[in-house]
Protein backbone atom coordinates (compact mmCIF):
# COMPACT_ATOMS: atom_id res chain seq x y z
CA UNK A 1 0.00 0.00 0.00
CA UNK A 2 1.26 3.47 -0.90
CA UNK A 3 1.43 5.94 1.97
CA UNK A 4 -0.60 9.12 1.65
CA UNK A 5 1.33 12.30 1.06
CA UNK A 6 1.40 14.71 4.03
CA UNK A 7 -0.88 17.74 4.21
CA UNK A 8 2.09 20.06 3.64
CA UNK A 9 2.74 18.45 0.25
CA UNK A 10 -0.80 19.20 -0.88
CA UNK A 11 -0.88 22.67 0.66
CA UNK A 12 2.17 23.52 -1.44
CA UNK A 13 0.10 22.58 -4.51
CA UNK A 14 -2.66 24.91 -3.31
CA UNK A 15 -0.03 27.62 -2.82
CA UNK A 16 1.04 27.09 -6.45
CA UNK A 17 -2.54 27.94 -7.39
CA UNK A 18 -2.43 31.04 -5.17
CA UNK A 19 0.73 32.14 -7.00
CA UNK A 20 -1.13 31.83 -10.30
CA UNK A 21 -3.80 34.15 -8.92
CA UNK A 22 -1.08 36.57 -7.80
CA UNK A 23 0.36 36.64 -11.34
CA UNK A 24 -3.09 37.75 -12.56
CA UNK A 25 -3.32 40.43 -9.85
CA UNK A 26 -6.09 38.46 -8.16
CA UNK A 27 -6.29 37.99 -4.39
CA UNK A 28 -3.83 35.09 -4.03
CA UNK A 29 -5.94 32.21 -2.79
CA UNK A 30 -5.58 28.69 -4.16
CA UNK A 31 -7.47 25.45 -3.68
CA UNK A 32 -7.14 21.84 -4.76
CA UNK A 33 -9.31 18.75 -4.35
CA UNK A 34 -7.66 15.37 -3.72
CA UNK A 35 -9.19 11.97 -4.38
CA UNK A 36 -7.18 8.80 -3.77
CA UNK A 37 -3.95 10.79 -3.49
CA UNK A 38 -4.48 12.55 -6.85
CA UNK A 39 -5.45 16.12 -7.68
CA UNK A 40 -8.84 16.01 -9.39
CA UNK A 41 -9.70 19.70 -9.13
CA UNK A 42 -7.78 22.89 -8.79
CA UNK A 43 -8.58 26.56 -8.75
CA UNK A 44 -7.50 30.02 -7.80
CA UNK A 45 -9.33 33.29 -7.41
CA UNK A 46 -10.59 34.67 -10.71
CA UNK A 47 -13.09 37.27 -9.49
CA UNK A 48 -11.38 40.16 -11.30
CA UNK A 49 -10.67 38.19 -14.48
CA UNK A 50 -14.24 36.91 -14.73
CA UNK A 51 -15.89 40.01 -13.20
CA UNK A 52 -17.69 37.53 -10.99
CA UNK A 53 -17.81 37.69 -7.21
CA UNK A 54 -18.45 33.93 -7.05
CA UNK A 55 -15.22 32.98 -8.86
CA UNK A 56 -13.38 32.04 -5.67
CA UNK A 57 -10.65 29.39 -5.63
CA UNK A 58 -12.80 26.87 -3.77
CA UNK A 59 -15.69 27.20 -6.22
CA UNK A 60 -13.33 26.70 -9.18
CA UNK A 61 -11.79 23.61 -7.54
CA UNK A 62 -15.16 22.09 -6.54
CA UNK A 63 -16.50 22.51 -10.08
CA UNK A 64 -13.40 20.91 -11.63
CA UNK A 65 -13.47 18.00 -9.16
CA UNK A 66 -17.19 17.39 -9.67
CA UNK A 67 -16.66 17.34 -13.42
CA UNK A 68 -13.77 14.89 -13.04
CA UNK A 69 -15.77 12.55 -10.80
CA UNK A 70 -19.07 13.02 -12.60
CA UNK A 71 -20.67 13.67 -9.22
CA UNK A 72 -21.76 16.71 -7.26
CA UNK A 73 -20.63 15.01 -4.05
CA UNK A 74 -16.99 14.87 -2.97
CA UNK A 75 -17.55 12.46 -0.07
CA UNK A 76 -14.16 10.74 -0.29
CA UNK A 77 -12.18 13.87 -1.13
CA UNK A 78 -9.98 16.33 0.72
CA UNK A 79 -10.06 20.02 -0.09
CA UNK A 80 -6.94 22.09 0.54
CA UNK A 81 -7.27 25.86 0.50
CA UNK A 82 -4.68 28.47 1.40
CA UNK A 83 -7.16 30.78 3.16
CA UNK A 84 -10.06 29.87 5.44
CA UNK A 85 -13.20 29.66 3.28
CA UNK A 86 -15.70 32.51 3.35
CA UNK A 87 -19.35 31.79 4.10
CA UNK A 88 -20.22 31.52 0.38
CA UNK A 89 -17.52 28.90 -0.19
CA UNK A 90 -18.40 27.13 3.07
CA UNK A 91 -21.96 26.83 1.77
CA UNK A 92 -20.74 25.29 -1.49
CA UNK A 93 -18.46 22.97 0.48
CA UNK A 94 -21.38 21.99 2.71
CA UNK A 95 -23.32 20.78 -0.33
CA UNK A 96 -20.26 19.12 -1.92
CA UNK A 97 -19.67 17.18 1.34
CA UNK A 98 -15.91 16.55 1.21
CA UNK A 99 -14.49 14.25 3.86
CA UNK A 100 -11.99 16.94 4.94
CA UNK A 101 -11.27 20.61 4.48
CA UNK A 102 -7.72 21.65 5.28
CA UNK A 103 -6.82 25.33 5.19
CA UNK A 104 -3.70 27.35 5.87
CA UNK A 105 -4.35 30.91 7.01
CA UNK A 106 -7.32 31.98 9.12
CA UNK A 107 -9.54 34.77 7.85
CA UNK A 108 -10.65 36.62 10.97
CA UNK A 109 -12.84 39.10 9.06
CA UNK A 110 -14.67 36.84 6.60
CA UNK A 111 -13.84 33.27 7.59
CA UNK A 112 -16.70 30.83 7.89
CA UNK A 113 -15.34 29.31 11.08
CA UNK A 114 -17.02 32.09 13.03
CA UNK A 115 -20.34 30.36 12.39
CA UNK A 116 -21.24 27.14 14.12
CA UNK A 117 -22.64 24.36 11.95
CA UNK A 118 -21.70 25.97 8.63
CA UNK A 119 -19.79 22.90 7.40
CA UNK A 120 -21.37 19.52 6.73
CA UNK A 121 -21.43 17.42 9.93
CA UNK A 122 -19.49 14.60 8.23
CA UNK A 123 -16.71 16.96 7.11
CA UNK A 124 -13.69 17.37 9.35
CA UNK A 125 -11.83 20.69 9.40
CA UNK A 126 -8.12 21.18 9.96
CA UNK A 127 -6.57 24.63 10.09
CA UNK A 128 -3.09 26.09 10.31
CA UNK A 129 -1.32 23.87 7.75
CA UNK A 130 1.56 26.04 6.50
CA UNK A 131 -0.19 29.00 8.08
CA UNK A 132 2.85 31.30 7.86
CA UNK A 133 3.39 30.74 4.12
CA UNK A 134 -0.32 31.02 3.36
CA UNK A 135 -0.65 34.22 5.43
CA UNK A 136 2.45 35.81 3.94
CA UNK A 137 1.30 35.68 0.32
CA UNK A 138 -1.98 37.41 1.27
CA UNK A 139 -0.31 39.95 3.55
CA UNK A 140 2.25 40.90 0.88
CA UNK A 141 -0.45 41.25 -1.79
CA UNK A 142 -2.51 43.68 0.28
CA UNK A 143 0.54 45.67 1.46
CA UNK A 144 1.43 46.31 -2.19
CA UNK A 145 -2.15 47.39 -2.92
CA UNK A 146 -2.12 50.03 -0.19
């Protein structure tokens, strides 16, 4: 049996997505969806590019993963995202029902974790994976904007 890759390995892949957003002058957030130790969906923020407030990294990754699986449910999947999901993305993740959501940096202003019961009861949440790296890319982006 092949051992699963550690969360840090996958978070680095999500950070690669965040860097793609940064190159497009988008808020640098990235997300990936893993199924059986393979990336089946990936995304980064595209709200400016698409002129669409719903074009968050998580939404892009969920859509790609659902298309790959041919299912709206991601029951056996893990979602890695560099920033704590907002309430909109948490709602989409609730309906997608991934087994796990792993995020890097907390979002104290808009993070969904402030609301009890926002995630599906069968979904486990893990925070703080590569928190410093995930926080730094966001912090640097906004410092340059100001």
